[in-house]
Amino acid sequence: INYDLVYVDQRGTGQSNYLKCSGSFPRNVGEWQVCAGE
């Protein structure tokens, strides 16, 4: 009632330039490197 609740998609998520990894969510350093290269 007393406050505005404001939610923001952090950049790289949701509608803020979503960074998608083709191999789903990376679970190790190698997968993060592959995702970054995409």
All heavy atoms as atom14 arrays in JSON, in Angstrom:
{
  "sequence": "INYDLVYVDQRGTGQSNYLKCSGSFPRNVGEWQVCAGE",
  "atom14_mask": [
    [1, 1, 1, 1, 1, 1, 1, 1, 0, 0, 0, 0, 0, 0],
    [1, 1, 1, 1, 1, 1, 1, 1, 0, 0, 0, 0, 0, 0],
    [1, 1, 1, 1, 1, 1, 1, 1, 1, 1, 1, 1, 0, 0],
    [1, 1, 1, 1, 1, 1, 1, 1, 0, 0, 0, 0, 0, 0],
    [1, 1, 1, 1, 1, 1, 1, 1, 0, 0, 0, 0, 0, 0],
    [1, 1, 1, 1, 1, 1, 1, 0, 0, 0, 0, 0, 0, 0],
    [1, 1, 1, 1, 1, 1, 1, 1, 1, 1, 1, 1, 0, 0],
    [1, 1, 1, 1, 1, 1, 1, 0, 0, 0, 0, 0, 0, 0],
    [1, 1, 1, 1, 1, 1, 1, 1, 0, 0, 0, 0, 0, 0],
    [1, 1, 1, 1, 1, 1, 1, 1, 1, 0, 0, 0, 0, 0],
    [1, 1, 1, 1, 1, 1, 1, 1, 1, 1, 1, 0, 0, 0],
    [1, 1, 1, 1, 0, 0, 0, 0, 0, 0, 0, 0, 0, 0],
    [1, 1, 1, 1, 1, 1, 1, 0, 0, 0, 0, 0, 0, 0],
    [1, 1, 1, 1, 0, 0, 0, 0, 0, 0, 0, 0, 0, 0],
    [1, 1, 1, 1, 1, 1, 1, 1, 1, 0, 0, 0, 0, 0],
    [1, 1, 1, 1, 1, 1, 0, 0, 0, 0, 0, 0, 0, 0],
    [1, 1, 1, 1, 1, 1, 1, 1, 0, 0, 0, 0, 0, 0],
    [1, 1, 1, 1, 1, 1, 1, 1, 1, 1, 1, 1, 0, 0],
    [1, 1, 1, 1, 1, 1, 1, 1, 0, 0, 0, 0, 0, 0],
    [1, 1, 1, 1, 1, 1, 1, 1, 1, 0, 0, 0, 0, 0],
    [1, 1, 1, 1, 1, 1, 0, 0, 0, 0, 0, 0, 0, 0],
    [1, 1, 1, 1, 1, 1, 0, 0, 0, 0, 0, 0, 0, 0],
    [1, 1, 1, 1, 0, 0, 0, 0, 0, 0, 0, 0, 0, 0],
    [1, 1, 1, 1, 1, 1, 0, 0, 0, 0, 0, 0, 0, 0],
    [1, 1, 1, 1, 1, 1, 1, 1, 1, 1, 1, 0, 0, 0],
    [1, 1, 1, 1, 1, 1, 1, 0, 0, 0, 0, 0, 0, 0],
    [1, 1, 1, 1, 1, 1, 1, 1, 1, 1, 1, 0, 0, 0],
    [1, 1, 1, 1, 1, 1, 1, 1, 0, 0, 0, 0, 0, 0],
    [1, 1, 1, 1, 1, 1, 1, 0, 0, 0, 0, 0, 0, 0],
    [1, 1, 1, 1, 0, 0, 0, 0, 0, 0, 0, 0, 0, 0],
    [1, 1, 1, 1, 1, 1, 1, 1, 1, 0, 0, 0, 0, 0],
    [1, 1, 1, 1, 1, 1, 1, 1, 1, 1, 1, 1, 1, 1],
    [1, 1, 1, 1, 1, 1, 1, 1, 1, 0, 0, 0, 0, 0],
    [1, 1, 1, 1, 1, 1, 1, 0, 0, 0, 0, 0, 0, 0],
    [1, 1, 1, 1, 1, 1, 0, 0, 0, 0, 0, 0, 0, 0],
    [1, 1, 1, 1, 1, 0, 0, 0, 0, 0, 0, 0, 0, 0],
    [1, 1, 1, 1, 0, 0, 0, 0, 0, 0, 0, 0, 0, 0],
    [1, 1, 1, 1, 1, 1, 1, 1, 1, 0, 0, 0, 0, 0]
  ],
  "atom14_positions": [
    [[0.82, -1.21, 0.0], [0.0, 0.0, 0.0], [0.86, 1.26, 0.0], [0.55, 2.25, -0.68], [-0.96, 0.01, 1.22], [-2.01, -1.1, 1.07], [-1.62, 1.37, 1.37], [-2.92, -0.93, -0.13], [0.0, 0.0, 0.0], [0.0, 0.0, 0.0], [0.0, 0.0, 0.0], [0.0, 0.0, 0.0], [0.0, 0.0, 0.0], [0.0, 0.0, 0.0]],
    [[1.95, 1.25, 0.73], [2.72, 2.47, 0.97], [3.94, 2.64, 0.07], [4.55, 3.71, 0.08], [3.16, 2.52, 2.43], [1.98, 2.61, 3.39], [1.23, 3.58, 3.36], [1.8, 1.59, 4.21], [0.0, 0.0, 0.0], [0.0, 0.0, 0.0], [0.0, 0.0, 0.0], [0.0, 0.0, 0.0], [0.0, 0.0, 0.0], [0.0, 0.0, 0.0]],
    [[4.28, 1.61, -0.69], [5.48, 1.71, -1.52], [5.19, 1.23, -2.94], [4.32, 0.38, -3.17], [6.6, 0.83, -0.94], [7.13, 1.3, 0.39], [6.55, 0.85, 1.58], [8.2, 2.19, 0.47], [7.03, 1.28, 2.81], [8.69, 2.61, 1.7], [8.1, 2.16, 2.87], [8.57, 2.58, 4.08], [0.0, 0.0, 0.0], [0.0, 0.0, 0.0]],
    [[5.92, 1.79, -3.89], [5.94, 1.24, -5.24], [6.97, 0.12, -5.26], [8.12, 0.31, -4.84], [6.35, 2.31, -6.26], [5.33, 3.43, -6.37], [4.15, 3.17, -6.09], [5.73, 4.55, -6.74], [0.0, 0.0, 0.0], [0.0, 0.0, 0.0], [0.0, 0.0, 0.0], [0.0, 0.0, 0.0], [0.0, 0.0, 0.0], [0.0, 0.0, 0.0]],
    [[6.58, -1.05, -5.74], [7.5, -2.17, -5.86], [8.03, -2.19, -7.3], [7.27, -2.41, -8.24], [6.8, -3.49, -5.53], [6.16, -3.55, -4.13], [5.51, -4.91, -3.9], [7.19, -3.26, -3.05], [0.0, 0.0, 0.0], [0.0, 0.0, 0.0], [0.0, 0.0, 0.0], [0.0, 0.0, 0.0], [0.0, 0.0, 0.0], [0.0, 0.0, 0.0]],
    [[9.3, -1.94, -7.47], [9.9, -1.81, -8.79], [10.84, -2.99, -9.03], [11.76, -3.23, -8.23], [10.68, -0.49, -8.93], [11.3, -0.38, -10.32], [9.76, 0.7, -8.64], [0.0, 0.0, 0.0], [0.0, 0.0, 0.0], [0.0, 0.0, 0.0], [0.0, 0.0, 0.0], [0.0, 0.0, 0.0], [0.0, 0.0, 0.0], [0.0, 0.0, 0.0]],
    [[10.62, -3.72, -10.12], [11.47, -4.85, -10.48], [12.13, -4.54, -11.82], [11.49, -4.08, -12.75], [10.63, -6.13, -10.6], [10.0, -6.55, -9.29], [8.76, -6.04, -8.89], [10.65, -7.44, -8.44], [8.19, -6.41, -7.69], [10.08, -7.82, -7.23], [8.85, -7.3, -6.86], [8.28, -7.67, -5.67], [0.0, 0.0, 0.0], [0.0, 0.0, 0.0]],
    [[13.42, -4.8, -11.9], [14.2, -4.5, -13.1], [14.87, -5.76, -13.59], [15.53, -6.46, -12.82], [15.27, -3.42, -12.8], [16.08, -3.1, -14.06], [14.63, -2.16, -12.23], [0.0, 0.0, 0.0], [0.0, 0.0, 0.0], [0.0, 0.0, 0.0], [0.0, 0.0, 0.0], [0.0, 0.0, 0.0], [0.0, 0.0, 0.0], [0.0, 0.0, 0.0]],
    [[14.71, -6.08, -14.88], [15.47, -7.19, -15.48], [16.93, -6.76, -15.56], [17.27, -5.82, -16.29], [14.96, -7.5, -16.89], [13.62, -8.22, -16.88], [13.26, -8.77, -15.84], [12.96, -8.22, -17.93], [0.0, 0.0, 0.0], [0.0, 0.0, 0.0], [0.0, 0.0, 0.0], [0.0, 0.0, 0.0], [0.0, 0.0, 0.0], [0.0, 0.0, 0.0]],
    [[17.78, -7.42, -14.79], [19.2, -7.08, -14.86], [19.72, -7.33, -16.27], [19.31, -8.29, -16.93], [19.99, -7.91, -13.86], [21.45, -7.51, -13.74], [22.14, -8.17, -12.56], [21.48, -8.51, -11.57], [23.45, -8.34, -12.64], [0.0, 0.0, 0.0], [0.0, 0.0, 0.0], [0.0, 0.0, 0.0], [0.0, 0.0, 0.0], [0.0, 0.0, 0.0]],
    [[20.58, -6.45, -16.76], [21.07, -6.58, -18.13], [21.62, -7.99, -18.35], [22.33, -8.55, -17.52], [22.11, -5.52, -18.47], [23.35, -5.53, -17.6], [24.39, -4.56, -18.14], [23.94, -3.18, -18.09], [24.58, -2.17, -18.7], [25.69, -2.41, -19.39], [24.12, -0.93, -18.6], [0.0, 0.0, 0.0], [0.0, 0.0, 0.0], [0.0, 0.0, 0.0]],
    [[21.24, -8.55, -19.5], [21.6, -9.93, -19.8], [20.52, -10.92, -19.45], [20.63, -12.11, -19.74], [0.0, 0.0, 0.0], [0.0, 0.0, 0.0], [0.0, 0.0, 0.0], [0.0, 0.0, 0.0], [0.0, 0.0, 0.0], [0.0, 0.0, 0.0], [0.0, 0.0, 0.0], [0.0, 0.0, 0.0], [0.0, 0.0, 0.0], [0.0, 0.0, 0.0]],
    [[19.42, -10.44, -18.81], [18.32, -11.33, -18.41], [17.0, -10.75, -18.9], [16.91, -9.58, -19.25], [18.24, -11.48, -16.88], [17.76, -10.25, -16.3], [19.61, -11.8, -16.29], [0.0, 0.0, 0.0], [0.0, 0.0, 0.0], [0.0, 0.0, 0.0], [0.0, 0.0, 0.0], [0.0, 0.0, 0.0], [0.0, 0.0, 0.0], [0.0, 0.0, 0.0]],
    [[15.98, -11.59, -18.92], [14.63, -11.14, -19.26], [14.59, -10.35, -20.55], [15.07, -10.82, -21.59], [0.0, 0.0, 0.0], [0.0, 0.0, 0.0], [0.0, 0.0, 0.0], [0.0, 0.0, 0.0], [0.0, 0.0, 0.0], [0.0, 0.0, 0.0], [0.0, 0.0, 0.0], [0.0, 0.0, 0.0], [0.0, 0.0, 0.0], [0.0, 0.0, 0.0]],
    [[14.02, -9.16, -20.5], [13.91, -8.32, -21.69], [15.03, -7.28, -21.76], [14.95, -6.34, -22.55], [12.55, -7.62, -21.7], [11.37, -8.59, -21.77], [10.04, -7.88, -21.9], [9.85, -7.02, -22.74], [9.1, -8.26, -21.04], [0.0, 0.0, 0.0], [0.0, 0.0, 0.0], [0.0, 0.0, 0.0], [0.0, 0.0, 0.0], [0.0, 0.0, 0.0]],
    [[16.07, -7.44, -20.94], [17.22, -6.53, -20.98], [18.38, -7.2, -21.71], [19.39, -7.57, -21.12], [17.63, -6.13, -19.55], [16.62, -5.36, -18.94], [0.0, 0.0, 0.0], [0.0, 0.0, 0.0], [0.0, 0.0, 0.0], [0.0, 0.0, 0.0], [0.0, 0.0, 0.0], [0.0, 0.0, 0.0], [0.0, 0.0, 0.0], [0.0, 0.0, 0.0]],
    [[18.18, -7.37, -23.03], [19.2, -7.99, -23.88], [19.63, -9.35, -23.33], [20.79, -9.58, -23.02], [20.42, -7.09, -24.04], [21.31, -7.54, -25.19], [20.82, -8.05, -26.19], [22.61, -7.37, -25.06], [0.0, 0.0, 0.0], [0.0, 0.0, 0.0], [0.0, 0.0, 0.0], [0.0, 0.0, 0.0], [0.0, 0.0, 0.0], [0.0, 0.0, 0.0]],
    [[18.68, -10.26, -23.26], [18.91, -11.6, -22.71], [20.06, -12.29, -23.42], [20.08, -12.41, -24.64], [17.63, -12.41, -22.85], [17.74, -13.84, -22.37], [18.17, -14.12, -21.09], [17.39, -14.9, -23.2], [18.26, -15.43, -20.64], [17.47, -16.2, -22.76], [17.91, -16.46, -21.48], [18.0, -17.75, -21.04], [0.0, 0.0, 0.0], [0.0, 0.0, 0.0]],
    [[21.05, -12.74, -22.65], [22.2, -13.46, -23.19], [21.94, -14.95, -23.08], [22.01, -15.54, -22.0], [23.47, -13.08, -22.42], [23.84, -11.59, -22.42], [25.13, -11.37, -21.63], [24.0, -11.06, -23.84], [0.0, 0.0, 0.0], [0.0, 0.0, 0.0], [0.0, 0.0, 0.0], [0.0, 0.0, 0.0], [0.0, 0.0, 0.0], [0.0, 0.0, 0.0]],
    [[21.63, -15.57, -24.19], [21.25, -16.98, -24.2], [22.45, -17.85, -24.53], [23.23, -17.55, -25.43], [20.14, -17.22, -25.23], [19.67, -18.67, -25.32], [18.52, -18.8, -26.3], [18.1, -20.25, -26.48], [17.66, -20.86, -25.22], [0.0, 0.0, 0.0], [0.0, 0.0, 0.0], [0.0, 0.0, 0.0], [0.0, 0.0, 0.0], [0.0, 0.0, 0.0]],
    [[22.59, -18.94, -23.79], [23.63, -19.93, -24.06], [22.99, -21.13, -24.76], [22.0, -21.68, -24.26], [24.3, -20.38, -22.77], [25.05, -19.04, -21.81], [0.0, 0.0, 0.0], [0.0, 0.0, 0.0], [0.0, 0.0, 0.0], [0.0, 0.0, 0.0], [0.0, 0.0, 0.0], [0.0, 0.0, 0.0], [0.0, 0.0, 0.0], [0.0, 0.0, 0.0]],
    [[23.55, -21.54, -25.89], [22.93, -22.63, -26.65], [22.94, -23.94, -25.89], [22.08, -24.8, -26.09], [23.68, -22.81, -27.99], [25.03, -23.17, -27.76], [0.0, 0.0, 0.0], [0.0, 0.0, 0.0], [0.0, 0.0, 0.0], [0.0, 0.0, 0.0], [0.0, 0.0, 0.0], [0.0, 0.0, 0.0], [0.0, 0.0, 0.0], [0.0, 0.0, 0.0]],
    [[23.9, -24.12, -24.99], [23.99, -25.37, -24.23], [23.32, -25.29, -22.88], [23.73, -25.99, -21.96], [0.0, 0.0, 0.0], [0.0, 0.0, 0.0], [0.0, 0.0, 0.0], [0.0, 0.0, 0.0], [0.0, 0.0, 0.0], [0.0, 0.0, 0.0], [0.0, 0.0, 0.0], [0.0, 0.0, 0.0], [0.0, 0.0, 0.0], [0.0, 0.0, 0.0]],
    [[22.29, -24.46, -22.72], [21.59, -24.2, -21.47], [22.52, -23.5, -20.49], [23.55, -22.96, -20.89], [20.99, -25.49, -20.87], [21.98, -26.29, -20.28], [0.0, 0.0, 0.0], [0.0, 0.0, 0.0], [0.0, 0.0, 0.0], [0.0, 0.0, 0.0], [0.0, 0.0, 0.0], [0.0, 0.0, 0.0], [0.0, 0.0, 0.0], [0.0, 0.0, 0.0]],
    [[22.19, -23.53, -19.21], [22.96, -22.76, -18.24], [24.33, -23.39, -18.02], [24.42, -24.57, -17.7], [22.2, -22.68, -16.92], [22.81, -21.73, -15.94], [22.55, -20.38, -16.01], [23.67, -22.19, -14.94], [23.1, -19.49, -15.1], [24.24, -21.31, -14.04], [23.95, -19.96, -14.12], [0.0, 0.0, 0.0], [0.0, 0.0, 0.0], [0.0, 0.0, 0.0]],
    [[25.42, -22.62, -18.18], [26.76, -23.19, -18.0], [27.0, -23.66, -16.57], [26.61, -22.98, -15.62], [27.7, -22.02, -18.35], [26.85, -21.08, -19.15], [25.47, -21.21, -18.6], [0.0, 0.0, 0.0], [0.0, 0.0, 0.0], [0.0, 0.0, 0.0], [0.0, 0.0, 0.0], [0.0, 0.0, 0.0], [0.0, 0.0, 0.0], [0.0, 0.0, 0.0]],
    [[27.68, -24.8, -16.43], [27.95, -25.34, -15.1], [29.43, -25.42, -14.78], [29.8, -25.84, -13.69], [27.34, -26.75, -14.98], [25.84, -26.81, -15.17], [25.08, -25.86, -14.32], [25.43, -25.91, -12.91], [24.98, -25.06, -12.01], [24.2, -24.07, -12.37], [25.34, -25.17, -10.75], [0.0, 0.0, 0.0], [0.0, 0.0, 0.0], [0.0, 0.0, 0.0]],
    [[30.31, -25.07, -15.7], [31.73, -25.1, -15.41], [32.42, -24.03, -16.24], [31.8, -23.38, -17.09], [32.33, -26.49, -15.67], [32.07, -26.97, -17.08], [32.38, -26.28, -18.05], [31.49, -28.16, -17.22], [0.0, 0.0, 0.0], [0.0, 0.0, 0.0], [0.0, 0.0, 0.0], [0.0, 0.0, 0.0], [0.0, 0.0, 0.0], [0.0, 0.0, 0.0]],
    [[33.73, -23.85, -16.0], [34.47, -22.78, -16.66], [34.43, -22.93, -18.17], [34.22, -21.96, -18.92], [35.92, -22.75, -16.15], [36.73, -21.73, -16.95], [35.96, -22.4, -14.67], [0.0, 0.0, 0.0], [0.0, 0.0, 0.0], [0.0, 0.0, 0.0], [0.0, 0.0, 0.0], [0.0, 0.0, 0.0], [0.0, 0.0, 0.0], [0.0, 0.0, 0.0]],
    [[34.62, -24.15, -18.65], [34.61, -24.39, -20.1], [33.31, -24.0, -20.75], [33.29, -23.38, -21.83], [0.0, 0.0, 0.0], [0.0, 0.0, 0.0], [0.0, 0.0, 0.0], [0.0, 0.0, 0.0], [0.0, 0.0, 0.0], [0.0, 0.0, 0.0], [0.0, 0.0, 0.0], [0.0, 0.0, 0.0], [0.0, 0.0, 0.0], [0.0, 0.0, 0.0]],
    [[32.19, -24.36, -20.12], [30.88, -24.03, -20.68], [30.63, -22.53, -20.65], [30.0, -21.98, -21.56], [29.79, -24.78, -19.9], [29.82, -26.29, -20.14], [28.77, -27.03, -19.34], [28.0, -26.36, -18.6], [28.71, -28.27, -19.42], [0.0, 0.0, 0.0], [0.0, 0.0, 0.0], [0.0, 0.0, 0.0], [0.0, 0.0, 0.0], [0.0, 0.0, 0.0]],
    [[31.12, -21.84, -19.61], [31.0, -20.38, -19.58], [31.8, -19.75, -20.71], [31.36, -18.79, -21.35], [31.49, -19.83, -18.23], [30.44, -19.84, -17.16], [30.38, -20.67, -16.09], [29.29, -18.99, -17.06], [29.27, -20.39, -15.32], [28.59, -19.36, -15.9], [28.8, -17.96, -17.84], [27.42, -18.74, -15.51], [27.63, -17.32, -17.45], [26.95, -17.71, -16.3]],
    [[32.97, -20.3, -21.0], [33.79, -19.75, -22.08], [33.11, -19.96, -23.44], [33.13, -19.06, -24.3], [35.17, -20.41, -22.06], [36.01, -20.01, -20.86], [37.29, -20.8, -20.74], [37.4, -21.91, -21.24], [38.29, -20.22, -20.06], [0.0, 0.0, 0.0], [0.0, 0.0, 0.0], [0.0, 0.0, 0.0], [0.0, 0.0, 0.0], [0.0, 0.0, 0.0]],
    [[32.5, -21.12, -23.63], [31.77, -21.38, -24.87], [30.61, -20.41, -25.01], [30.39, -19.82, -26.08], [31.26, -22.85, -24.9], [30.29, -23.05, -26.06], [32.43, -23.81, -25.02], [0.0, 0.0, 0.0], [0.0, 0.0, 0.0], [0.0, 0.0, 0.0], [0.0, 0.0, 0.0], [0.0, 0.0, 0.0], [0.0, 0.0, 0.0], [0.0, 0.0, 0.0]],
    [[29.86, -20.22, -23.92], [28.71, -19.31, -23.95], [29.16, -17.89, -24.26], [28.54, -17.18, -25.05], [27.97, -19.37, -22.63], [26.51, -18.29, -22.58], [0.0, 0.0, 0.0], [0.0, 0.0, 0.0], [0.0, 0.0, 0.0], [0.0, 0.0, 0.0], [0.0, 0.0, 0.0], [0.0, 0.0, 0.0], [0.0, 0.0, 0.0], [0.0, 0.0, 0.0]],
    [[30.27, -17.46, -23.63], [30.77, -16.11, -23.88], [31.13, -15.92, -25.35], [30.87, -14.86, -25.94], [31.99, -15.84, -23.0], [0.0, 0.0, 0.0], [0.0, 0.0, 0.0], [0.0, 0.0, 0.0], [0.0, 0.0, 0.0], [0.0, 0.0, 0.0], [0.0, 0.0, 0.0], [0.0, 0.0, 0.0], [0.0, 0.0, 0.0], [0.0, 0.0, 0.0]],
    [[31.69, -16.97, -25.96], [32.05, -16.88, -27.37], [30.86, -16.78, -28.3], [30.99, -16.35, -29.45], [0.0, 0.0, 0.0], [0.0, 0.0, 0.0], [0.0, 0.0, 0.0], [0.0, 0.0, 0.0], [0.0, 0.0, 0.0], [0.0, 0.0, 0.0], [0.0, 0.0, 0.0], [0.0, 0.0, 0.0], [0.0, 0.0, 0.0], [0.0, 0.0, 0.0]],
    [[29.69, -17.18, -27.81], [28.47, -17.11, -28.62], [27.84, -15.72, -28.64], [26.96, -15.45, -29.46], [27.44, -18.12, -28.1], [27.89, -19.57, -28.24], [26.92, -20.54, -27.58], [26.04, -20.07, -26.79], [27.02, -21.74, -27.83], [0.0, 0.0, 0.0], [0.0, 0.0, 0.0], [0.0, 0.0, 0.0], [0.0, 0.0, 0.0], [0.0, 0.0, 0.0]]
  ]
}
